N, C-alpha and C. Protein backbone atom coordinates (compact mmCIF):
# COMPACT_ATOMS: atom_id res chain seq x y z
N UNK A 1 100.53 -33.99 39.74
CA UNK A 1 99.46 -34.70 39.99
C UNK A 1 99.99 -36.12 40.09
N UNK A 2 99.24 -37.00 41.12
CA UNK A 2 99.43 -38.30 41.34
C UNK A 2 98.98 -39.03 40.26
N UNK A 3 99.64 -40.20 39.96
CA UNK A 3 98.92 -41.29 38.95
C UNK A 3 97.74 -41.68 39.46
N UNK A 4 96.70 -41.89 38.80
CA UNK A 4 95.48 -42.46 39.27
C UNK A 4 94.62 -41.53 40.15
N UNK A 5 94.88 -40.19 40.10
CA UNK A 5 94.15 -39.23 40.91
C UNK A 5 93.15 -38.69 39.92
N UNK A 6 91.84 -38.57 40.80
CA UNK A 6 90.62 -38.22 40.19
C UNK A 6 90.18 -36.90 40.63
N UNK A 7 89.30 -36.13 40.13
CA UNK A 7 88.81 -34.96 40.43
C UNK A 7 88.17 -35.35 42.02
N UNK A 8 87.49 -36.63 42.14
CA UNK A 8 86.83 -36.83 43.33
C UNK A 8 87.95 -36.82 44.60
N UNK A 9 89.40 -36.81 44.30
CA UNK A 9 90.26 -36.87 45.39
C UNK A 9 90.72 -35.61 45.75
N UNK A 10 90.31 -34.59 45.10
CA UNK A 10 90.81 -33.20 45.12
C UNK A 10 89.82 -32.20 45.93
N UNK A 11 90.61 -31.23 46.60
CA UNK A 11 89.61 -30.09 47.35
C UNK A 11 90.20 -28.93 46.55
N UNK A 12 89.21 -27.96 46.23
CA UNK A 12 89.71 -26.79 45.29
C UNK A 12 89.69 -25.65 46.19
N UNK A 13 90.57 -24.76 46.05
CA UNK A 13 90.69 -23.41 46.80
C UNK A 13 90.08 -22.38 46.12
N UNK A 14 89.21 -21.72 46.73
CA UNK A 14 88.50 -20.56 46.09
C UNK A 14 88.86 -19.38 47.01
N UNK A 15 89.24 -18.25 46.20
CA UNK A 15 89.71 -16.94 46.93
C UNK A 15 88.66 -16.23 47.46
N UNK A 16 87.32 -16.32 46.92
CA UNK A 16 86.24 -15.49 47.23
C UNK A 16 85.06 -16.60 47.42
N UNK A 17 84.28 -16.33 48.30
CA UNK A 17 83.12 -17.21 48.57
C UNK A 17 81.79 -16.92 47.75
N UNK A 18 81.01 -17.73 47.36
CA UNK A 18 79.96 -17.47 46.53
C UNK A 18 78.56 -17.23 47.71
N UNK A 19 78.93 -17.61 48.84
CA UNK A 19 77.87 -17.46 49.83
C UNK A 19 78.65 -17.04 51.17
N UNK A 20 78.16 -16.40 51.98
CA UNK A 20 78.58 -15.70 53.33
C UNK A 20 78.85 -17.03 54.36
N UNK A 21 79.93 -17.16 54.65
CA UNK A 21 80.32 -18.21 55.63
C UNK A 21 81.43 -17.47 56.85
N UNK A 22 80.49 -17.46 57.95
CA UNK A 22 81.32 -16.46 58.85
C UNK A 22 82.53 -17.15 59.75
N UNK A 23 82.47 -18.36 60.04
CA UNK A 23 83.55 -18.74 61.03
C UNK A 23 84.57 -19.79 60.41
N UNK A 24 85.78 -19.62 60.92
CA UNK A 24 86.96 -20.37 60.28
C UNK A 24 86.71 -21.84 60.88
N UNK A 25 86.87 -22.83 60.03
CA UNK A 25 86.77 -24.17 60.21
C UNK A 25 87.87 -24.61 61.22
N UNK A 26 88.82 -23.93 61.38
CA UNK A 26 89.92 -24.18 62.28
C UNK A 26 89.84 -23.64 63.61
N UNK A 27 89.91 -22.37 63.59
CA UNK A 27 90.03 -21.65 64.96
C UNK A 27 88.61 -20.92 65.32
N UNK A 28 87.52 -20.82 64.29
CA UNK A 28 86.23 -20.44 64.73
C UNK A 28 86.06 -18.75 64.84
N UNK A 29 87.11 -18.04 64.50
CA UNK A 29 86.99 -16.68 64.21
C UNK A 29 86.35 -16.40 62.97
N UNK A 30 85.88 -15.05 62.80
CA UNK A 30 85.24 -14.67 61.65
C UNK A 30 86.33 -14.56 60.46
N UNK A 31 86.10 -15.25 59.33
CA UNK A 31 87.15 -15.19 58.32
C UNK A 31 87.23 -14.05 57.46
N UNK A 32 86.07 -13.29 57.33
CA UNK A 32 86.12 -12.02 56.75
C UNK A 32 87.07 -10.84 57.36
N UNK A 33 87.31 -11.14 58.64
CA UNK A 33 88.27 -10.16 59.33
C UNK A 33 89.68 -10.31 58.87
N UNK A 34 90.15 -11.44 58.21
CA UNK A 34 91.48 -11.82 57.87
C UNK A 34 91.63 -11.97 56.41
N UNK A 35 92.59 -12.89 55.87
CA UNK A 35 92.65 -13.08 54.51
C UNK A 35 92.07 -14.42 54.07
N UNK A 36 90.75 -14.46 54.00
CA UNK A 36 90.27 -15.96 53.92
C UNK A 36 90.36 -16.60 52.73
N UNK A 37 90.29 -18.03 52.72
CA UNK A 37 90.25 -18.61 51.66
C UNK A 37 89.05 -19.82 51.98
N UNK A 38 88.42 -20.28 50.92
CA UNK A 38 87.33 -21.05 50.94
C UNK A 38 87.70 -22.47 50.11
N UNK A 39 87.26 -23.58 50.70
CA UNK A 39 87.48 -24.85 49.90
C UNK A 39 86.13 -25.44 49.54
N UNK A 40 86.32 -25.92 48.33
CA UNK A 40 85.11 -26.72 47.68
C UNK A 40 85.39 -27.94 47.25
N UNK A 41 84.51 -28.98 47.08
CA UNK A 41 84.76 -30.24 46.51
C UNK A 41 84.76 -30.27 45.14
N UNK A 42 84.23 -29.09 44.37
CA UNK A 42 84.24 -29.04 43.11
C UNK A 42 84.70 -27.50 42.62
N UNK A 43 85.21 -27.58 41.33
CA UNK A 43 85.73 -26.30 41.05
C UNK A 43 84.61 -25.26 40.73
N UNK A 44 84.78 -24.07 41.38
CA UNK A 44 83.74 -23.06 41.42
C UNK A 44 82.50 -23.37 42.17
N UNK A 45 82.51 -24.47 42.99
CA UNK A 45 81.28 -24.85 43.79
C UNK A 45 81.26 -24.05 44.91
N UNK A 46 80.21 -24.33 45.76
CA UNK A 46 79.94 -23.71 46.93
C UNK A 46 80.93 -24.18 47.91
N UNK A 47 81.46 -23.22 48.67
CA UNK A 47 82.36 -23.47 49.79
C UNK A 47 81.84 -24.64 50.88
N UNK A 48 82.79 -25.53 51.08
CA UNK A 48 82.37 -26.68 52.11
C UNK A 48 83.19 -26.50 53.54
N UNK A 49 84.13 -25.66 53.38
CA UNK A 49 84.87 -25.14 54.75
C UNK A 49 85.64 -23.72 54.30
N UNK A 50 86.00 -23.16 55.50
CA UNK A 50 86.70 -21.80 55.25
C UNK A 50 87.64 -21.64 56.19
N UNK A 51 88.69 -20.81 55.96
CA UNK A 51 89.77 -20.68 56.77
C UNK A 51 90.18 -19.10 56.76
N UNK A 52 90.76 -18.62 57.99
CA UNK A 52 91.28 -17.33 58.07
C UNK A 52 92.11 -16.87 56.99
N UNK A 53 93.10 -17.77 56.84
CA UNK A 53 94.29 -17.56 55.82
C UNK A 53 94.85 -19.08 55.88
N UNK A 54 96.09 -19.13 54.97
CA UNK A 54 96.66 -20.42 54.73
C UNK A 54 97.31 -20.91 56.06
N UNK A 55 97.75 -20.15 57.16
CA UNK A 55 98.11 -20.39 58.36
C UNK A 55 97.13 -21.42 59.20
N UNK A 56 95.79 -21.10 59.05
CA UNK A 56 94.73 -21.93 59.80
C UNK A 56 94.54 -23.10 59.03
N UNK A 57 94.59 -22.89 57.57
CA UNK A 57 94.45 -24.26 56.82
C UNK A 57 95.67 -25.14 56.92
N UNK A 58 96.90 -24.66 57.26
CA UNK A 58 98.08 -25.59 57.42
C UNK A 58 97.82 -26.26 58.96
N UNK A 59 97.30 -25.32 59.88
CA UNK A 59 97.08 -25.89 61.18
C UNK A 59 96.11 -26.94 61.35
N UNK A 60 95.02 -26.85 60.60
CA UNK A 60 94.13 -27.78 60.48
C UNK A 60 94.54 -29.03 59.82
N UNK A 61 95.21 -28.97 58.68
CA UNK A 61 95.80 -30.22 58.04
C UNK A 61 96.73 -30.97 59.08
N UNK A 62 97.52 -30.12 59.82
CA UNK A 62 98.45 -30.70 60.71
C UNK A 62 97.52 -31.53 61.77
N UNK A 63 96.65 -30.68 62.38
CA UNK A 63 95.91 -31.21 63.79
C UNK A 63 95.03 -32.56 63.37
N UNK A 64 94.47 -32.37 62.20
CA UNK A 64 93.65 -33.51 61.88
C UNK A 64 94.44 -34.60 61.01
N UNK A 65 95.90 -34.48 60.93
CA UNK A 65 96.75 -35.46 60.36
C UNK A 65 96.32 -35.91 59.03
N UNK A 66 95.84 -34.79 58.15
CA UNK A 66 95.19 -35.09 56.78
C UNK A 66 96.42 -35.52 55.95
N UNK A 67 97.62 -35.11 56.02
CA UNK A 67 98.59 -35.35 55.13
C UNK A 67 99.26 -36.72 55.15
N UNK A 68 99.07 -37.42 56.45
CA UNK A 68 99.57 -38.86 56.56
C UNK A 68 99.17 -39.71 55.40
N UNK A 69 100.04 -40.35 54.75
CA UNK A 69 99.77 -41.22 53.77
C UNK A 69 99.46 -40.59 52.36
N UNK A 70 99.76 -39.31 52.21
CA UNK A 70 99.27 -38.81 50.92
C UNK A 70 100.36 -38.72 49.92
N UNK A 71 101.59 -39.11 50.30
CA UNK A 71 102.31 -39.01 49.16
C UNK A 71 102.13 -39.90 48.05
N UNK A 72 102.53 -39.46 46.80
CA UNK A 72 102.22 -40.33 45.60
C UNK A 72 103.25 -41.42 45.55
N UNK A 73 104.57 -41.12 45.82
CA UNK A 73 105.61 -42.12 45.84
C UNK A 73 106.67 -41.68 46.70
N UNK A 74 107.19 -42.66 47.56
CA UNK A 74 108.21 -42.20 48.66
C UNK A 74 108.95 -43.66 48.77
N UNK A 75 110.43 -43.55 49.02
CA UNK A 75 110.99 -44.71 49.56
C UNK A 75 112.05 -44.16 50.38
N UNK A 76 112.49 -44.89 51.37
CA UNK A 76 113.61 -44.31 52.16
C UNK A 76 114.87 -43.89 51.40
N UNK A 77 115.29 -44.30 50.26
CA UNK A 77 116.25 -43.92 49.58
C UNK A 77 116.29 -42.67 48.89
N UNK A 78 115.16 -42.04 48.77
CA UNK A 78 115.10 -40.79 48.18
C UNK A 78 115.17 -39.63 49.22
């Protein structure tokens, strides 16, 4: 965990949805036909997005450039 990180900074992965959500946030295909995972802004909360599998989640993170600047600590010497 990063120093100074709060629950407000996190997204929680839910393996099952508490409500039916049909389409993948990234590719638009029905998530139930694959190995779905659901994301929530609170632990055990309602899903705010869903993905077919970790591949679609990873592609979404890359395409939206969500990991840029997210390192806790980094220096060129490391």
